[in-house]
């Protein structure tokens, strides 16, 4: 056979082989660059190089985005870095100050009380005329103390701390110290005004006190006037006299008789000179009885 003819017969075969080779090479390239994907951990350039569900992170296909690793603490010459300063908390807002209280004296500096009224005394809170002005004030004050001398009207003093104003109560009138007030000795002399119907024991008991037998110390006119006080001249309008009976002192027909020691006889009422007894009821005589506070 003609060699030229043989070559022309093989040409289609060569062409077919070339096309087949191109298809194989193209398929390999298509698989490598198009259809082939990298599994988890495979190298990649972009996310498209990784299989579905994977991302290209740090040139590796990964199923999740790793968190950034903390910055390492660098120790230089074994010296730790200074800690970051703590953030100071924001200060709480200060509460608004409460308004200061105003006394009536403060109010009165720029205001005046109306007619027939005056400023309320003392430290009183108020911001209006109705609070700070009053129409009446009572007189107030203190009395001087009563001593053993039992000060009378002229001997006592009243120290006024607040004057009377408007319809308020007036200051009290001077009074004498009363028995038992302060250091003033309690009243100790009482008399039976029922013509001797009561003994001194009963008279003292009626006044919440007790009677004790003994020398009551009334042995002359001066002693008797001392216990009767300002009423002596009225009560004793027939004068004074001495009596040796043991229920003296007493009042008989407006004559005041004191206890005397003469004529004392053993075994009689007046067996002890000057002694007075509590329980005797003479009848017809107003006894003057000495009473003492009851024993505790």
C-alpha atoms as a PDB file:
ATOM      1  CA  UNK A   1       0.000   0.000   0.000  1.00  0.00           C
ATOM      2  CA  UNK A   2       1.035   3.476  -0.707  1.00  0.00           C
ATOM      3  CA  UNK A   3       2.582   5.050   2.385  1.00  0.00           C
ATOM      4  CA  UNK A   4       0.862   8.316   1.690  1.00  0.00           C
ATOM      5  CA  UNK A   5      -2.446   6.550   1.660  1.00  0.00           C
ATOM      6  CA  UNK A   6      -1.690   4.838   4.933  1.00  0.00           C
ATOM      7  CA  UNK A   7      -0.904   8.196   6.589  1.00  0.00           C
ATOM      8  CA  UNK A   8      -4.174   9.697   5.447  1.00  0.00           C
ATOM      9  CA  UNK A   9      -6.040   6.729   6.832  1.00  0.00           C
ATOM     10  CA  UNK A  10      -4.501   7.183  10.330  1.00  0.00           C
ATOM     11  CA  UNK A  11      -5.192  10.922  10.561  1.00  0.00           C
ATOM     12  CA  UNK A  12      -8.732  10.565  11.939  1.00  0.00           C
ATOM     13  CA  UNK A  13      -7.417   8.173  14.581  1.00  0.00           C
ATOM     14  CA  UNK A  14      -4.808  10.688  15.731  1.00  0.00           C
ATOM     15  CA  UNK A  15      -7.367  13.405  15.854  1.00  0.00           C
ATOM     16  CA  UNK A  16      -9.658  11.212  17.961  1.00  0.00           C
ATOM     17  CA  UNK A  17      -6.850  10.380  20.353  1.00  0.00           C
ATOM     18  CA  UNK A  18      -5.971  14.082  20.682  1.00  0.00           C
ATOM     19  CA  UNK A  19      -9.606  14.987  21.411  1.00  0.00           C
ATOM     20  CA  UNK A  20      -9.817  12.185  23.987  1.00  0.00           C
ATOM     21  CA  UNK A  21      -6.644  13.391  25.618  1.00  0.00           C
ATOM     22  CA  UNK A  22      -7.995  16.921  25.760  1.00  0.00           C
ATOM     23  CA  UNK A  23     -11.232  15.704  27.338  1.00  0.00           C
ATOM     24  CA  UNK A  24      -9.342  13.727  29.986  1.00  0.00           C
ATOM     25  CA  UNK A  25      -7.081  16.655  30.810  1.00  0.00           C
ATOM     26  CA  UNK A  26     -10.080  19.041  30.861  1.00  0.00           C
ATOM     27  CA  UNK A  27     -12.024  16.683  33.116  1.00  0.00           C
ATOM     28  CA  UNK A  28      -9.095  16.464  35.537  1.00  0.00           C
ATOM     29  CA  UNK A  29      -8.723  20.241  35.584  1.00  0.00           C
ATOM     30  CA  UNK A  30     -12.502  20.686  35.965  1.00  0.00           C
ATOM     31  CA  UNK A  31     -12.533  18.242  38.906  1.00  0.00           C
ATOM     32  CA  UNK A  32      -9.536  19.865  40.535  1.00  0.00           C
ATOM     33  CA  UNK A  33     -10.547  23.466  40.067  1.00  0.00           C
ATOM     34  CA  UNK A  34     -14.366  23.255  39.899  1.00  0.00           C
ATOM     35  CA  UNK A  35     -15.876  20.127  41.405  1.00  0.00           C
ATOM     36  CA  UNK A  36     -13.288  19.091  44.005  1.00  0.00           C
ATOM     37  CA  UNK A  37     -13.709  20.793  47.498  1.00  0.00           C
ATOM     38  CA  UNK A  38     -11.506  20.662  50.558  1.00  0.00           C
ATOM     39  CA  UNK A  39     -12.782  18.930  53.698  1.00  0.00           C
ATOM     40  CA  UNK A  40     -12.428  20.299  57.281  1.00  0.00           C
ATOM     41  CA  UNK A  41      -8.761  21.109  57.837  1.00  0.00           C
ATOM     42  CA  UNK A  42      -7.913  21.204  54.138  1.00  0.00           C
ATOM     43  CA  UNK A  43      -5.897  24.044  52.679  1.00  0.00           C
ATOM     44  CA  UNK A  44      -7.800  26.786  50.943  1.00  0.00           C
ATOM     45  CA  UNK A  45      -7.456  30.199  49.438  1.00  0.00           C
ATOM     46  CA  UNK A  46     -11.074  31.290  49.567  1.00  0.00           C
ATOM     47  CA  UNK A  47     -14.222  29.870  51.086  1.00  0.00           C
ATOM     48  CA  UNK A  48     -15.181  28.546  47.638  1.00  0.00           C
ATOM     49  CA  UNK A  49     -12.287  26.051  47.949  1.00  0.00           C
ATOM     50  CA  UNK A  50     -13.997  24.462  50.964  1.00  0.00           C
ATOM     51  CA  UNK A  51     -16.899  22.045  50.948  1.00  0.00           C
ATOM     52  CA  UNK A  52     -20.372  23.241  51.928  1.00  0.00           C
ATOM     53  CA  UNK A  53     -20.679  24.381  55.546  1.00  0.00           C
ATOM     54  CA  UNK A  54     -16.971  25.178  55.865  1.00  0.00           C
ATOM     55  CA  UNK A  55     -15.197  28.525  55.831  1.00  0.00           C
ATOM     56  CA  UNK A  56     -11.665  29.391  54.855  1.00  0.00           C
ATOM     57  CA  UNK A  57     -10.018  30.672  58.045  1.00  0.00           C
ATOM     58  CA  UNK A  58      -6.302  31.224  58.246  1.00  0.00           C
ATOM     59  CA  UNK A  59      -5.869  29.201  54.935  1.00  0.00           C
ATOM     60  CA  UNK A  60      -7.673  26.230  56.497  1.00  0.00           C
ATOM     61  CA  UNK A  61     -11.191  25.014  55.916  1.00  0.00           C
ATOM     62  CA  UNK A  62     -13.037  25.120  59.242  1.00  0.00           C
ATOM     63  CA  UNK A  63     -16.570  24.353  60.429  1.00  0.00           C
ATOM     64  CA  UNK A  64     -16.646  27.384  62.852  1.00  0.00           C
ATOM     65  CA  UNK A  65     -14.915  30.690  63.253  1.00  0.00           C
ATOM     66  CA  UNK A  66     -12.359  30.345  66.084  1.00  0.00           C
ATOM     67  CA  UNK A  67     -12.319  33.002  68.760  1.00  0.00           C
ATOM     68  CA  UNK A  68      -9.367  35.257  68.860  1.00  0.00           C
ATOM     69  CA  UNK A  69      -6.757  33.900  71.222  1.00  0.00           C
ATOM     70  CA  UNK A  70      -5.964  36.182  74.196  1.00  0.00           C
ATOM     71  CA  UNK A  71      -2.923  38.292  73.965  1.00  0.00           C
ATOM     72  CA  UNK A  72      -0.066  36.674  75.823  1.00  0.00           C
ATOM     73  CA  UNK A  73       1.282  38.427  78.887  1.00  0.00           C
ATOM     74  CA  UNK A  74       4.795  39.440  78.086  1.00  0.00           C
ATOM     75  CA  UNK A  75       7.136  39.413  81.052  1.00  0.00           C
ATOM     76  CA  UNK A  76      10.173  41.570  80.577  1.00  0.00           C
ATOM     77  CA  UNK A  77      13.039  40.937  82.980  1.00  0.00           C
ATOM     78  CA  UNK A  78      10.643  39.060  85.285  1.00  0.00           C
ATOM     79  CA  UNK A  79       8.607  42.245  85.810  1.00  0.00           C
ATOM     80  CA  UNK A  80       4.879  41.872  85.346  1.00  0.00           C
ATOM     81  CA  UNK A  81       3.154  44.682  83.541  1.00  0.00           C
ATOM     82  CA  UNK A  82       1.236  47.142  85.651  1.00  0.00           C
ATOM     83  CA  UNK A  83      -2.438  46.221  85.963  1.00  0.00           C
ATOM     84  CA  UNK A  84      -4.888  48.344  84.128  1.00  0.00           C
ATOM     85  CA  UNK A  85      -6.368  51.015  86.416  1.00  0.00           C
ATOM     86  CA  UNK A  86      -9.742  50.183  87.865  1.00  0.00           C
ATOM     87  CA  UNK A  87     -12.568  52.237  86.589  1.00  0.00           C
ATOM     88  CA  UNK A  88     -13.939  54.380  89.391  1.00  0.00           C
ATOM     89  CA  UNK A  89     -17.710  54.122  89.792  1.00  0.00           C
ATOM     90  CA  UNK A  90     -19.647  57.193  88.973  1.00  0.00           C
ATOM     91  CA  UNK A  91     -20.556  59.078  92.168  1.00  0.00           C
ATOM     92  CA  UNK A  92     -24.182  58.915  93.216  1.00  0.00           C
ATOM     93  CA  UNK A  93     -26.004  62.199  92.909  1.00  0.00           C
ATOM     94  CA  UNK A  94     -26.245  64.055  96.228  1.00  0.00           C
ATOM     95  CA  UNK A  95     -29.781  64.435  97.586  1.00  0.00           C
ATOM     96  CA  UNK A  96     -31.236  67.864  97.378  1.00  0.00           C
ATOM     97  CA  UNK A  97     -30.947  69.618 100.773  1.00  0.00           C
ATOM     98  CA  UNK A  98     -34.170  70.017 102.693  1.00  0.00           C
ATOM     99  CA  UNK A  99     -35.310  73.579 103.167  1.00  0.00           C
ATOM    100  CA  UNK A 100     -34.183  75.044 106.493  1.00  0.00           C
ATOM    101  CA  UNK A 101     -36.853  75.524 109.113  1.00  0.00           C
ATOM    102  CA  UNK A 102     -37.763  79.102 109.809  1.00  0.00           C
ATOM    103  CA  UNK A 103     -38.596  80.202 113.344  1.00  0.00           C
ATOM    104  CA  UNK A 104     -41.124  82.875 114.106  1.00  0.00           C
ATOM    105  CA  UNK A 105     -38.239  85.112 115.198  1.00  0.00           C
ATOM    106  CA  UNK A 106     -36.779  84.783 111.690  1.00  0.00           C
ATOM    107  CA  UNK A 107     -40.175  85.473 110.158  1.00  0.00           C
ATOM    108  CA  UNK A 108     -40.598  88.567 112.339  1.00  0.00           C
ATOM    109  CA  UNK A 109     -37.436  90.167 110.939  1.00  0.00           C
ATOM    110  CA  UNK A 110     -39.221  90.986 107.691  1.00  0.00           C
ATOM    111  CA  UNK A 111     -42.832  90.937 108.895  1.00  0.00           C
ATOM    112  CA  UNK A 112     -45.033  92.480 111.562  1.00  0.00           C
ATOM    113  CA  UNK A 113     -47.856  91.124 113.674  1.00  0.00           C
ATOM    114  CA  UNK A 114     -51.218  92.694 113.105  1.00  0.00           C
ATOM    115  CA  UNK A 115     -53.138  94.922 115.559  1.00  0.00           C
ATOM    116  CA  UNK A 116     -53.857  93.445 119.010  1.00  0.00           C
ATOM    117  CA  UNK A 117     -51.456  90.559 118.426  1.00  0.00           C
ATOM    118  CA  UNK A 118     -47.876  89.916 119.449  1.00  0.00           C
ATOM    119  CA  UNK A 119     -45.062  87.569 118.462  1.00  0.00           C
ATOM    120  CA  UNK A 120     -45.330  84.019 119.786  1.00  0.00           C
ATOM    121  CA  UNK A 121     -42.686  83.554 122.520  1.00  0.00           C
ATOM    122  CA  UNK A 122     -40.068  80.836 122.437  1.00  0.00           C
ATOM    123  CA  UNK A 123     -38.537  79.000 119.481  1.00  0.00           C
ATOM    124  CA  UNK A 124     -41.586  78.260 117.357  1.00  0.00           C
ATOM    125  CA  UNK A 125     -41.468  77.085 113.744  1.00  0.00           C
ATOM    126  CA  UNK A 126     -43.621  79.200 111.500  1.00  0.00           C
ATOM    127  CA  UNK A 127     -43.738  81.067 108.221  1.00  0.00           C
ATOM    128  CA  UNK A 128     -46.967  82.994 108.461  1.00  0.00           C
ATOM    129  CA  UNK A 129     -48.717  85.558 110.619  1.00  0.00           C
ATOM    130  CA  UNK A 130     -51.333  83.026 111.735  1.00  0.00           C
ATOM    131  CA  UNK A 131     -48.576  80.783 113.088  1.00  0.00           C
ATOM    132  CA  UNK A 132     -46.388  83.444 114.661  1.00  0.00           C
ATOM    133  CA  UNK A 133     -48.797  86.015 116.114  1.00  0.00           C
ATOM    134  CA  UNK A 134     -51.122  85.472 119.070  1.00  0.00           C
ATOM    135  CA  UNK A 135     -53.797  87.607 120.706  1.00  0.00           C
ATOM    136  CA  UNK A 136     -53.227  86.472 124.306  1.00  0.00           C
ATOM    137  CA  UNK A 137     -50.332  85.412 126.542  1.00  0.00           C
ATOM    138  CA  UNK A 138     -50.536  84.249 130.144  1.00  0.00           C
ATOM    139  CA  UNK A 139     -48.199  85.727 132.718  1.00  0.00           C
ATOM    140  CA  UNK A 140     -45.602  83.129 133.658  1.00  0.00           C
ATOM    141  CA  UNK A 141     -42.859  83.060 136.270  1.00  0.00           C
ATOM    142  CA  UNK A 142     -41.532  81.401 139.407  1.00  0.00           C
ATOM    143  CA  UNK A 143     -41.779  82.105 143.128  1.00  0.00           C
ATOM    144  CA  UNK A 144     -38.765  82.268 145.393  1.00  0.00           C
ATOM    145  CA  UNK A 145     -38.298  79.160 147.545  1.00  0.00           C
ATOM    146  CA  UNK A 146     -39.849  78.940 151.007  1.00  0.00           C
ATOM    147  CA  UNK A 147     -37.255  78.529 153.743  1.00  0.00           C
ATOM    148  CA  UNK A 148     -37.550  77.552 157.395  1.00  0.00           C
ATOM    149  CA  UNK A 149     -38.443  81.174 158.104  1.00  0.00           C
ATOM    150  CA  UNK A 150     -41.767  80.661 156.256  1.00  0.00           C
ATOM    151  CA  UNK A 151     -41.573  83.935 154.328  1.00  0.00           C
ATOM    152  CA  UNK A 152     -44.652  86.109 154.450  1.00  0.00           C
ATOM    153  CA  UNK A 153     -46.136  88.178 151.658  1.00  0.00           C
ATOM    154  CA  UNK A 154     -43.355  90.777 151.870  1.00  0.00           C
ATOM    155  CA  UNK A 155     -40.636  88.137 151.975  1.00  0.00           C
ATOM    156  CA  UNK A 156     -41.539  86.255 148.810  1.00  0.00           C
ATOM    157  CA  UNK A 157     -40.604  87.353 145.302  1.00  0.00           C
ATOM    158  CA  UNK A 158     -42.102  86.433 141.939  1.00  0.00           C
ATOM    159  CA  UNK A 159     -39.721  86.370 138.951  1.00  0.00           C
ATOM    160  CA  UNK A 160     -41.645  86.966 135.748  1.00  0.00           C
ATOM    161  CA  UNK A 161     -40.505  85.028 132.682  1.00  0.00           C
ATOM    162  CA  UNK A 162     -43.363  86.054 130.379  1.00  0.00           C
ATOM    163  CA  UNK A 163     -45.610  89.068 130.654  1.00  0.00           C
ATOM    164  CA  UNK A 164     -49.371  89.015 130.371  1.00  0.00           C
ATOM    165  CA  UNK A 165     -50.750  90.119 126.980  1.00  0.00           C
ATOM    166  CA  UNK A 166     -54.279  90.658 125.725  1.00  0.00           C
ATOM    167  CA  UNK A 167     -56.830  88.416 127.400  1.00  0.00           C
ATOM    168  CA  UNK A 168     -54.167  86.193 128.980  1.00  0.00           C
ATOM    169  CA  UNK A 169     -54.020  85.456 132.712  1.00  0.00           C
ATOM    170  CA  UNK A 170     -52.487  88.133 134.921  1.00  0.00           C
ATOM    171  CA  UNK A 171     -49.504  87.534 137.197  1.00  0.00           C
ATOM    172  CA  UNK A 172     -50.432  86.069 140.617  1.00  0.00           C
ATOM    173  CA  UNK A 173     -50.681  88.244 143.695  1.00  0.00           C
ATOM    174  CA  UNK A 174     -48.084  87.837 146.402  1.00  0.00           C
ATOM    175  CA  UNK A 175     -48.781  85.075 148.914  1.00  0.00           C
ATOM    176  CA  UNK A 176     -47.051  83.975 152.092  1.00  0.00           C
ATOM    177  CA  UNK A 177     -45.374  80.606 152.400  1.00  0.00           C
ATOM    178  CA  UNK A 178     -47.794  78.017 153.699  1.00  0.00           C
ATOM    179  CA  UNK A 179     -46.884  75.390 156.314  1.00  0.00           C
ATOM    180  CA  UNK A 180     -45.277  72.414 154.617  1.00  0.00           C
ATOM    181  CA  UNK A 181     -44.424  74.420 151.471  1.00  0.00           C
ATOM    182  CA  UNK A 182     -40.737  74.083 150.624  1.00  0.00           C
ATOM    183  CA  UNK A 183     -38.698  74.154 153.818  1.00  0.00           C
ATOM    184  CA  UNK A 184     -41.472  75.899 155.743  1.00  0.00           C
ATOM    185  CA  UNK A 185     -42.327  73.618 158.717  1.00  0.00           C
ATOM    186  CA  UNK A 186     -45.739  71.958 158.457  1.00  0.00           C
ATOM    187  CA  UNK A 187     -48.644  73.255 160.550  1.00  0.00           C
ATOM    188  CA  UNK A 188     -48.557  71.622 163.965  1.00  0.00           C
ATOM    189  CA  UNK A 189     -51.185  73.479 166.033  1.00  0.00           C
ATOM    190  CA  UNK A 190     -54.915  72.833 165.663  1.00  0.00           C
ATOM    191  CA  UNK A 191     -57.796  73.427 168.059  1.00  0.00           C
ATOM    192  CA  UNK A 192     -61.040  71.671 168.703  1.00  0.00           C
ATOM    193  CA  UNK A 193     -63.858  74.061 167.866  1.00  0.00           C
ATOM    194  CA  UNK A 194     -66.554  71.756 169.207  1.00  0.00           C
ATOM    195  CA  UNK A 195     -66.315  72.864 172.870  1.00  0.00           C
ATOM    196  CA  UNK A 196     -64.168  70.009 174.010  1.00  0.00           C
ATOM    197  CA  UNK A 197     -66.148  67.257 172.289  1.00  0.00           C
ATOM    198  CA  UNK A 198     -62.964  65.924 170.694  1.00  0.00           C
ATOM    199  CA  UNK A 199     -59.696  64.870 172.231  1.00  0.00           C
ATOM    200  CA  UNK A 200     -56.418  66.033 170.731  1.00  0.00           C
ATOM    201  CA  UNK A 201     -55.891  62.474 169.482  1.00  0.00           C
ATOM    202  CA  UNK A 202     -59.059  62.862 167.401  1.00  0.00           C
ATOM    203  CA  UNK A 203     -58.257  66.442 166.320  1.00  0.00           C
ATOM    204  CA  UNK A 204     -54.818  65.400 165.015  1.00  0.00           C
ATOM    205  CA  UNK A 205     -56.204  62.302 163.308  1.00  0.00           C
ATOM    206  CA  UNK A 206     -58.794  64.457 161.497  1.00  0.00           C
ATOM    207  CA  UNK A 207     -55.866  66.409 160.012  1.00  0.00           C
ATOM    208  CA  UNK A 208     -53.888  63.313 159.002  1.00  0.00           C
ATOM    209  CA  UNK A 209     -51.447  63.663 161.894  1.00  0.00           C
ATOM    210  CA  UNK A 210     -50.721  62.193 165.318  1.00  0.00           C
ATOM    211  CA  UNK A 211     -50.706  63.484 168.899  1.00  0.00           C
ATOM    212  CA  UNK A 212     -47.960  62.692 171.424  1.00  0.00           C
ATOM    213  CA  UNK A 213     -48.180  63.296 175.185  1.00  0.00           C
ATOM    214  CA  UNK A 214     -45.479  65.566 176.606  1.00  0.00           C
ATOM    215  CA  UNK A 215     -44.337  69.112 177.238  1.00  0.00           C
ATOM    216  CA  UNK A 216     -45.710  71.076 174.276  1.00  0.00           C
ATOM    217  CA  UNK A 217     -43.718  74.188 175.236  1.00  0.00           C
ATOM    218  CA  UNK A 218     -46.620  76.642 175.757  1.00  0.00           C
ATOM    219  CA  UNK A 219     -45.900  78.129 179.205  1.00  0.00           C
ATOM    220  CA  UNK A 220     -46.639  81.873 178.866  1.00  0.00           C
ATOM    221  CA  UNK A 221     -48.619  84.441 176.898  1.00  0.00           C
ATOM    222  CA  UNK A 222     -45.837  84.954 174.354  1.00  0.00           C
ATOM    223  CA  UNK A 223     -45.735  81.219 173.592  1.00  0.00           C
ATOM    224  CA  UNK A 224     -49.499  81.139 173.110  1.00  0.00           C
ATOM    225  CA  UNK A 225     -49.532  84.216 170.864  1.00  0.00           C
ATOM    226  CA  UNK A 226     -46.822  82.606 168.763  1.00  0.00           C
ATOM    227  CA  UNK A 227     -48.972  79.600 167.822  1.00  0.00           C
ATOM    228  CA  UNK A 228     -52.191  81.601 167.316  1.00  0.00           C
ATOM    229  CA  UNK A 229     -50.498  84.152 165.043  1.00  0.00           C
ATOM    230  CA  UNK A 230     -52.496  87.084 163.705  1.00  0.00           C
ATOM    231  CA  UNK A 231     -55.730  85.602 165.088  1.00  0.00           C
ATOM    232  CA  UNK A 232     -54.534  85.838 168.698  1.00  0.00           C
ATOM    233  CA  UNK A 233     -56.162  89.177 169.487  1.00  0.00           C
ATOM    234  CA  UNK A 234     -59.478  88.079 167.975  1.00  0.00           C
ATOM    235  CA  UNK A 235     -59.560  84.660 169.630  1.00  0.00           C
ATOM    236  CA  UNK A 236     -58.240  85.774 173.035  1.00  0.00           C
ATOM    237  CA  UNK A 237     -60.318  88.953 173.449  1.00  0.00           C
ATOM    238  CA  UNK A 238     -60.650  88.318 177.239  1.00  0.00           C
ATOM    239  CA  UNK A 239     -56.915  88.013 177.632  1.00  0.00           C
ATOM    240  CA  UNK A 240     -54.591  85.240 178.793  1.00  0.00           C
ATOM    241  CA  UNK A 241     -54.200  83.143 181.879  1.00  0.00           C
ATOM    242  CA  UNK A 242     -52.306  80.190 183.384  1.00  0.00           C
ATOM    243  CA  UNK A 243     -53.721  76.708 183.967  1.00  0.00           C
ATOM    244  CA  UNK A 244     -52.235  73.749 185.769  1.00  0.00           C
ATOM    245  CA  UNK A 245     -54.557  71.139 184.167  1.00  0.00           C
ATOM    246  CA  UNK A 246     -52.952  68.724 181.742  1.00  0.00           C
ATOM    247  CA  UNK A 247     -55.316  69.477 178.846  1.00  0.00           C
ATOM    248  CA  UNK A 248     -53.940  73.055 178.593  1.00  0.00           C
ATOM    249  CA  UNK A 249     -53.409  75.038 176.443  1.00  0.00           C
ATOM    250  CA  UNK A 250     -57.076  75.685 175.683  1.00  0.00           C
ATOM    251  CA  UNK A 251     -59.657  78.447 175.103  1.00  0.00           C
ATOM    252  CA  UNK A 252     -62.466  79.004 177.600  1.00  0.00           C
ATOM    253  CA  UNK A 253     -65.018  81.832 177.299  1.00  0.00           C
ATOM    254  CA  UNK A 254     -62.678  83.710 174.913  1.00  0.00           C
ATOM    255  CA  UNK A 255     -59.804  83.481 177.389  1.00  0.00           C
ATOM    256  CA  UNK A 256     -56.654  81.727 176.260  1.00  0.00           C
ATOM    257  CA  UNK A 257     -54.891  79.673 178.933  1.00  0.00           C
ATOM    258  CA  UNK A 258     -51.410  78.277 178.693  1.00  0.00           C
ATOM    259  CA  UNK A 259     -49.901  75.319 180.605  1.00  0.00           C
ATOM    260  CA  UNK A 260     -48.210  76.138 183.894  1.00  0.00           C
ATOM    261  CA  UNK A 261     -46.215  73.947 186.231  1.00  0.00           C
ATOM    262  CA  UNK A 262     -47.463  75.211 189.603  1.00  0.00           C
ATOM    263  CA  UNK A 263     -49.727  73.139 191.791  1.00  0.00           C
ATOM    264  CA  UNK A 264     -48.677  69.824 190.324  1.00  0.00           C
ATOM    265  CA  UNK A 265     -49.599  66.841 192.457  1.00  0.00           C
ATOM    266  CA  UNK A 266     -48.471  63.263 192.172  1.00  0.00           C
ATOM    267  CA  UNK A 267     -51.167  61.041 190.732  1.00  0.00           C
ATOM    268  CA  UNK A 268     -53.178  63.822 189.103  1.00  0.00           C
ATOM    269  CA  UNK A 269     -53.431  64.754 185.410  1.00  0.00           C
ATOM    270  CA  UNK A 270     -50.612  67.221 185.836  1.00  0.00           C
ATOM    271  CA  UNK A 271     -48.280  64.858 187.705  1.00  0.00           C
ATOM    272  CA  UNK A 272     -45.449  65.739 185.283  1.00  0.00           C
ATOM    273  CA  UNK A 273     -44.724  69.498 185.360  1.00  0.00           C
ATOM    274  CA  UNK A 274     -45.645  71.108 182.050  1.00  0.00           C
ATOM    275  CA  UNK A 275     -46.933  67.882 180.500  1.00  0.00           C
ATOM    276  CA  UNK A 276     -50.033  67.910 178.262  1.00  0.00           C
ATOM    277  CA  UNK A 277     -52.025  64.800 177.377  1.00  0.00           C
ATOM    278  CA  UNK A 278     -53.752  63.891 174.104  1.00  0.00           C
ATOM    279  CA  UNK A 279     -56.776  61.778 175.037  1.00  0.00           C
ATOM    280  CA  UNK A 280     -58.577  63.983 177.629  1.00  0.00           C
ATOM    281  CA  UNK A 281     -61.943  65.475 176.579  1.00  0.00           C
ATOM    282  CA  UNK A 282     -62.638  68.320 179.029  1.00  0.00           C
ATOM    283  CA  UNK A 283     -66.018  69.434 177.659  1.00  0.00           C
ATOM    284  CA  UNK A 284     -66.838  73.116 177.321  1.00  0.00           C
ATOM    285  CA  UNK A 285     -63.216  73.963 176.428  1.00  0.00           C
ATOM    286  CA  UNK A 286     -61.656  74.367 172.964  1.00  0.00           C
ATOM    287  CA  UNK A 287     -58.382  72.503 173.239  1.00  0.00           C
ATOM    288  CA  UNK A 288     -55.318  73.700 171.308  1.00  0.00           C
ATOM    289  CA  UNK A 289     -53.578  70.537 170.152  1.00  0.00           C
ATOM    290  CA  UNK A 290     -50.002  69.978 169.025  1.00  0.00           C
ATOM    291  CA  UNK A 291     -49.904  67.465 166.142  1.00  0.00           C
ATOM    292  CA  UNK A 292     -46.950  65.813 164.435  1.00  0.00           C
ATOM    293  CA  UNK A 293     -46.654  63.956 161.108  1.00  0.00           C
ATOM    294  CA  UNK A 294     -47.568  60.274 161.532  1.00  0.00           C
ATOM    295  CA  UNK A 295     -44.720  57.835 162.028  1.00  0.00           C
ATOM    296  CA  UNK A 296     -43.619  56.209 158.739  1.00  0.00           C
END
